[in-house]
N, C-alpha and C. Protein backbone atom coordinates (compact mmCIF):
# COMPACT_ATOMS: atom_id res chain seq x y z
N MET A 1 0.82 -1.27 0.32
CA MET A 1 0.05 -0.38 0.33
C MET A 1 0.89 1.42 -0.14
N SER A 2 0.84 1.98 -1.08
CA SER A 2 1.37 3.26 -1.15
C SER A 2 0.52 4.92 -0.24
N PHE A 3 1.75 5.82 0.31
CA PHE A 3 1.20 6.64 1.17
C PHE A 3 0.95 7.97 0.07
N LEU A 4 1.42 7.55 -1.36
CA LEU A 4 1.15 8.66 -1.84
C LEU A 4 0.05 8.62 -3.21
N LYS A 5 -0.78 9.72 -2.80
CA LYS A 5 -2.52 9.45 -3.90
C LYS A 5 -1.65 10.20 -5.13
N ASN A 6 -1.20 10.73 -5.05
CA ASN A 6 -0.52 11.14 -6.68
C ASN A 6 0.45 11.53 -6.50
N ALA A 7 1.12 11.96 -8.60
CA ALA A 7 2.46 12.63 -8.39
C ALA A 7 2.57 13.72 -7.83
N ALA A 8 1.07 14.96 -7.76
CA ALA A 8 1.89 16.13 -7.47
C ALA A 8 2.03 16.00 -5.99
N SER A 9 1.85 14.75 -4.94
CA SER A 9 1.74 15.04 -3.83
C SER A 9 3.74 14.39 -3.46
N LEU A 10 4.44 14.53 -4.72
CA LEU A 10 5.90 13.90 -4.21
C LEU A 10 6.35 15.27 -4.95
N LYS A 11 7.35 15.99 -4.16
CA LYS A 11 8.24 17.15 -4.61
C LYS A 11 9.88 16.73 -4.38
N PRO A 12 10.60 16.33 -5.42
CA PRO A 12 11.82 15.96 -5.49
C PRO A 12 12.43 17.13 -4.90
N LEU A 13 13.73 16.70 -4.44
CA LEU A 13 14.68 17.96 -3.56
C LEU A 13 15.98 18.00 -4.75
N PHE A 14 16.51 18.66 -4.25
CA PHE A 14 17.89 19.05 -5.41
C PHE A 14 17.90 19.27 -6.54
N ASP A 15 18.80 18.78 -7.00
CA ASP A 15 18.47 18.09 -8.87
C ASP A 15 17.65 17.28 -9.35
N ARG A 16 16.65 16.62 -8.21
CA ARG A 16 16.22 15.22 -8.66
C ARG A 16 14.98 15.43 -9.85
N VAL A 17 14.73 14.89 -10.64
CA VAL A 17 13.64 14.95 -11.58
C VAL A 17 12.68 14.02 -11.31
N LEU A 18 11.61 14.02 -11.56
CA LEU A 18 10.91 12.65 -11.55
C LEU A 18 10.19 12.54 -13.03
N VAL A 19 9.84 11.34 -13.62
CA VAL A 19 9.36 11.43 -15.09
C VAL A 19 8.43 10.06 -15.30
N GLN A 20 7.99 9.90 -15.98
CA GLN A 20 6.89 9.34 -16.38
C GLN A 20 7.45 8.90 -17.69
N ARG A 21 7.92 7.68 -17.25
CA ARG A 21 8.20 6.84 -19.17
C ARG A 21 7.07 6.97 -19.76
N LEU A 22 7.21 6.72 -21.49
CA LEU A 22 6.26 6.62 -22.12
C LEU A 22 5.44 5.53 -22.09
N LYS A 23 4.74 5.18 -22.33
CA LYS A 23 4.07 3.50 -22.79
C LYS A 23 4.26 3.37 -23.72
N PRO A 24 4.46 1.80 -24.00
CA PRO A 24 4.70 1.14 -25.55
C PRO A 24 3.68 0.61 -26.01
N ALA A 25 3.61 0.37 -27.44
CA ALA A 25 2.62 0.39 -28.14
C ALA A 25 1.58 -1.25 -27.19
N SER A 26 0.58 -1.76 -27.27
CA SER A 26 -0.50 -2.46 -26.75
C SER A 26 -0.85 -3.51 -27.88
N LYS A 27 -0.79 -2.42 -29.02
CA LYS A 27 -0.97 -3.31 -29.85
C LYS A 27 -0.47 -2.78 -31.64
N THR A 28 -0.23 -3.93 -32.74
CA THR A 28 0.25 -3.66 -33.82
C THR A 28 -0.38 -2.72 -34.49
N ALA A 29 0.00 -2.06 -35.50
CA ALA A 29 -1.06 -1.56 -36.48
C ALA A 29 -1.96 -2.32 -37.27
N SER A 30 -1.53 -3.49 -36.83
CA SER A 30 -2.99 -4.30 -37.88
C SER A 30 -4.24 -5.01 -36.50
N GLY A 31 -3.81 -4.47 -35.25
CA GLY A 31 -4.75 -4.48 -34.29
C GLY A 31 -4.42 -5.99 -33.00
N LEU A 32 -3.09 -6.76 -33.85
CA LEU A 32 -3.14 -7.90 -32.69
C LEU A 32 -2.27 -7.09 -31.18
N TYR A 33 -2.47 -7.80 -30.84
CA TYR A 33 -2.18 -6.95 -28.82
C TYR A 33 -1.03 -8.17 -28.54
N ILE A 34 -0.03 -7.07 -28.06
CA ILE A 34 1.69 -7.20 -27.52
C ILE A 34 1.24 -8.07 -26.46
N PRO A 35 2.00 -9.01 -26.54
CA PRO A 35 2.39 -9.03 -24.53
C PRO A 35 2.72 -8.42 -23.76
N GLU A 36 2.57 -8.14 -22.48
CA GLU A 36 3.08 -7.04 -21.88
C GLU A 36 4.30 -7.56 -22.03
N LYS A 37 5.16 -8.82 -21.55
CA LYS A 37 6.58 -8.91 -21.47
C LYS A 37 7.23 -8.81 -22.85
N ASN A 38 6.38 -9.14 -23.68
CA ASN A 38 7.44 -8.27 -25.02
C ASN A 38 7.38 -6.96 -25.95
N GLN A 39 6.80 -6.26 -24.82
CA GLN A 39 6.67 -4.55 -25.03
C GLN A 39 8.25 -4.26 -24.75
N GLU A 40 8.55 -3.92 -25.50
CA GLU A 40 9.76 -3.06 -25.60
C GLU A 40 9.64 -1.40 -24.38
N LYS A 41 10.40 -1.29 -23.54
CA LYS A 41 10.52 -0.05 -22.76
C LYS A 41 10.87 1.15 -23.55
N LEU A 42 10.67 1.84 -23.43
CA LEU A 42 10.94 3.50 -24.41
C LEU A 42 11.79 3.75 -24.14
N PRO A 43 12.93 4.58 -24.55
CA PRO A 43 13.60 5.47 -23.31
C PRO A 43 13.54 6.77 -23.13
N GLU A 44 12.23 6.64 -23.61
CA GLU A 44 11.69 8.29 -23.42
C GLU A 44 11.01 8.63 -22.16
N GLY A 45 10.51 9.71 -21.92
CA GLY A 45 9.64 10.17 -20.79
C GLY A 45 9.05 11.61 -20.79
N THR A 46 8.05 11.81 -20.12
CA THR A 46 7.43 13.04 -19.63
C THR A 46 7.94 13.37 -18.30
N VAL A 47 8.58 14.92 -18.15
CA VAL A 47 8.94 15.63 -16.85
C VAL A 47 7.86 15.62 -16.48
N ILE A 48 7.62 14.97 -14.24
CA ILE A 48 6.47 15.81 -13.70
C ILE A 48 6.46 16.55 -13.01
N ALA A 49 8.03 16.16 -12.65
CA ALA A 49 8.31 17.83 -11.50
C ALA A 49 9.34 17.61 -10.91
N THR A 50 10.22 18.64 -10.62
CA THR A 50 11.87 19.01 -10.31
C THR A 50 12.57 19.78 -9.06
N GLY A 51 13.06 19.29 -8.89
CA GLY A 51 13.54 20.06 -7.47
C GLY A 51 14.21 21.40 -8.08
N PRO A 52 14.20 21.55 -6.75
CA PRO A 52 15.19 23.79 -7.21
C PRO A 52 15.99 23.65 -7.83
N GLY A 53 16.98 22.71 -7.85
CA GLY A 53 18.03 22.47 -7.98
C GLY A 53 19.32 22.49 -6.94
N VAL A 54 20.43 22.73 -7.20
CA VAL A 54 21.99 22.22 -6.38
C VAL A 54 22.84 23.68 -6.01
N ILE A 55 23.40 23.81 -4.78
CA ILE A 55 23.62 24.75 -4.84
C ILE A 55 25.46 24.86 -4.88
N ASN A 56 25.60 25.86 -5.67
CA ASN A 56 27.28 26.08 -5.85
C ASN A 56 28.22 26.17 -4.70
N PRO A 57 28.89 25.34 -4.19
CA PRO A 57 29.40 25.80 -3.20
C PRO A 57 30.45 26.68 -2.73
N SER A 58 30.85 27.06 -4.46
CA SER A 58 32.10 28.27 -4.04
C SER A 58 31.13 29.66 -4.62
N THR A 59 29.61 30.25 -4.66
CA THR A 59 29.22 31.03 -4.90
C THR A 59 27.99 31.26 -3.79
N GLY A 60 27.40 29.95 -3.80
CA GLY A 60 26.22 29.81 -3.01
C GLY A 60 24.80 30.05 -3.60
N ASP A 61 25.40 30.60 -5.06
CA ASP A 61 23.45 30.88 -5.56
C ASP A 61 23.54 29.37 -5.88
N VAL A 62 22.18 28.90 -6.45
CA VAL A 62 21.55 28.21 -6.46
C VAL A 62 21.66 27.60 -8.26
N ILE A 63 21.93 26.59 -8.59
CA ILE A 63 21.64 25.96 -9.79
C ILE A 63 20.68 25.14 -10.31
N PRO A 64 19.60 25.70 -11.09
CA PRO A 64 18.52 25.33 -11.28
C PRO A 64 18.48 24.18 -12.06
N THR A 65 17.58 22.78 -12.20
CA THR A 65 17.68 21.70 -13.09
C THR A 65 17.68 22.30 -14.66
N SER A 66 17.91 21.74 -15.74
CA SER A 66 18.30 22.11 -17.24
C SER A 66 16.50 21.41 -17.93
N VAL A 67 15.30 20.75 -16.83
CA VAL A 67 14.29 20.58 -17.38
C VAL A 67 12.82 21.23 -16.53
N ALA A 68 11.90 21.21 -17.10
CA ALA A 68 10.68 21.42 -16.11
C ALA A 68 9.91 20.35 -16.15
N ALA A 69 8.79 20.61 -15.47
CA ALA A 69 7.54 20.09 -15.53
C ALA A 69 6.79 19.95 -17.30
N GLY A 70 6.77 19.08 -17.86
CA GLY A 70 6.42 18.95 -19.35
C GLY A 70 6.98 18.59 -19.69
N ASP A 71 8.32 18.59 -19.88
CA ASP A 71 9.39 18.40 -20.92
C ASP A 71 9.49 17.20 -21.27
N LYS A 72 9.96 16.93 -22.78
CA LYS A 72 9.90 15.41 -22.98
C LYS A 72 11.74 14.90 -23.23
N VAL A 73 12.36 13.97 -22.55
CA VAL A 73 13.56 13.48 -22.10
C VAL A 73 13.94 12.28 -22.49
N LEU A 74 14.89 12.21 -22.88
CA LEU A 74 15.83 10.91 -23.50
C LEU A 74 16.41 10.01 -22.60
N LEU A 75 16.23 8.79 -21.71
CA LEU A 75 16.73 8.30 -20.74
C LEU A 75 17.48 7.51 -21.01
N PRO A 76 18.47 7.20 -19.60
CA PRO A 76 19.61 6.30 -19.68
C PRO A 76 18.41 4.69 -20.13
N SER A 77 19.14 3.91 -20.24
CA SER A 77 19.21 2.63 -20.41
C SER A 77 18.77 2.19 -19.34
N TYR A 78 19.78 2.45 -18.40
CA TYR A 78 19.79 2.17 -16.59
C TYR A 78 19.68 3.13 -15.66
N GLY A 79 19.45 2.96 -14.59
CA GLY A 79 19.50 3.73 -13.85
C GLY A 79 18.09 4.16 -13.05
N GLY A 80 18.16 5.61 -12.16
CA GLY A 80 16.58 5.91 -11.78
C GLY A 80 16.30 5.72 -11.08
N SER A 81 15.54 5.67 -9.80
CA SER A 81 15.03 5.08 -8.56
C SER A 81 13.15 4.82 -9.31
N PRO A 82 12.29 3.75 -9.01
CA PRO A 82 11.18 3.48 -9.20
C PRO A 82 10.72 3.73 -8.59
N ILE A 83 9.39 4.66 -8.65
CA ILE A 83 8.57 5.15 -7.26
C ILE A 83 7.04 4.40 -8.03
N LYS A 84 6.67 3.53 -7.50
CA LYS A 84 5.01 3.48 -7.76
C LYS A 84 3.91 4.26 -6.99
N ILE A 85 3.46 5.07 -7.50
CA ILE A 85 2.26 5.84 -7.04
C ILE A 85 1.07 5.28 -7.75
N GLY A 86 -0.33 4.68 -6.92
CA GLY A 86 -1.67 3.57 -7.60
C GLY A 86 -0.99 2.87 -8.22
N ASP A 87 -1.64 2.88 -9.41
CA ASP A 87 -1.25 2.04 -10.78
C ASP A 87 -0.56 2.71 -11.41
N GLU A 88 0.36 3.80 -11.10
CA GLU A 88 1.41 4.15 -12.08
C GLU A 88 2.59 4.10 -11.93
N GLU A 89 3.72 3.92 -12.67
CA GLU A 89 5.19 3.97 -12.05
C GLU A 89 5.73 5.07 -12.87
N TYR A 90 6.82 5.60 -11.67
CA TYR A 90 7.67 6.89 -11.96
C TYR A 90 9.13 6.04 -11.57
N LEU A 91 9.98 7.22 -12.70
CA LEU A 91 11.37 7.26 -12.28
C LEU A 91 11.64 8.40 -11.84
N LEU A 92 13.02 8.33 -10.76
CA LEU A 92 13.41 9.74 -10.02
C LEU A 92 15.16 9.67 -10.28
N TYR A 93 15.61 10.98 -11.54
CA TYR A 93 16.61 10.25 -11.75
C TYR A 93 17.32 11.66 -11.24
N THR A 94 18.70 12.01 -11.04
CA THR A 94 19.07 12.95 -11.10
C THR A 94 19.55 14.15 -12.18
N ASP A 95 19.28 15.45 -12.05
CA ASP A 95 19.27 15.94 -13.57
C ASP A 95 20.26 15.48 -14.54
N LYS A 96 21.53 15.42 -13.91
CA LYS A 96 22.64 15.35 -14.66
C LYS A 96 22.61 13.37 -15.49
N GLU A 97 21.67 12.53 -14.86
CA GLU A 97 21.54 11.49 -15.50
C GLU A 97 20.46 11.39 -16.73
N LEU A 98 20.17 12.61 -16.92
CA LEU A 98 18.78 12.50 -17.86
C LEU A 98 19.97 12.67 -19.51
N LEU A 99 19.70 12.04 -20.52
CA LEU A 99 20.22 12.29 -21.74
C LEU A 99 20.33 13.48 -22.32
N ALA A 100 19.07 13.36 -22.64
CA ALA A 100 18.76 14.81 -23.81
C ALA A 100 17.31 15.64 -23.40
N LYS A 101 17.07 16.61 -23.69
CA LYS A 101 15.86 17.11 -23.66
C LYS A 101 15.11 17.25 -25.36
N ILE A 102 13.85 16.74 -25.07
CA ILE A 102 13.94 16.47 -26.68
C ILE A 102 12.45 17.78 -27.01
N GLU A 103 12.99 17.93 -28.14
CA GLU A 103 12.67 19.84 -28.76
C GLU A 103 11.19 19.30 -29.70
């Protein structure tokens, strides 16, 4: 049982980024259903929330994350901390782990 009700109740700290991976297609173009174990994990996701950033030790200024909520990002093959909220699965990455922002 999860104590989190929805993704909006989770606020990442420092330079962490909460991402929801894009869901793979469950049917082929011709209408055949693809078994869940054969569906490939897509390397793309949508940023749900970000932390405020990290503090630069030499100046004391906050360095903000490079992405914002709603951005599409390219995810690494491995890494991220999985978080389950209700029936949905999310991943928590640090900002520097994300590979690219998709424009």
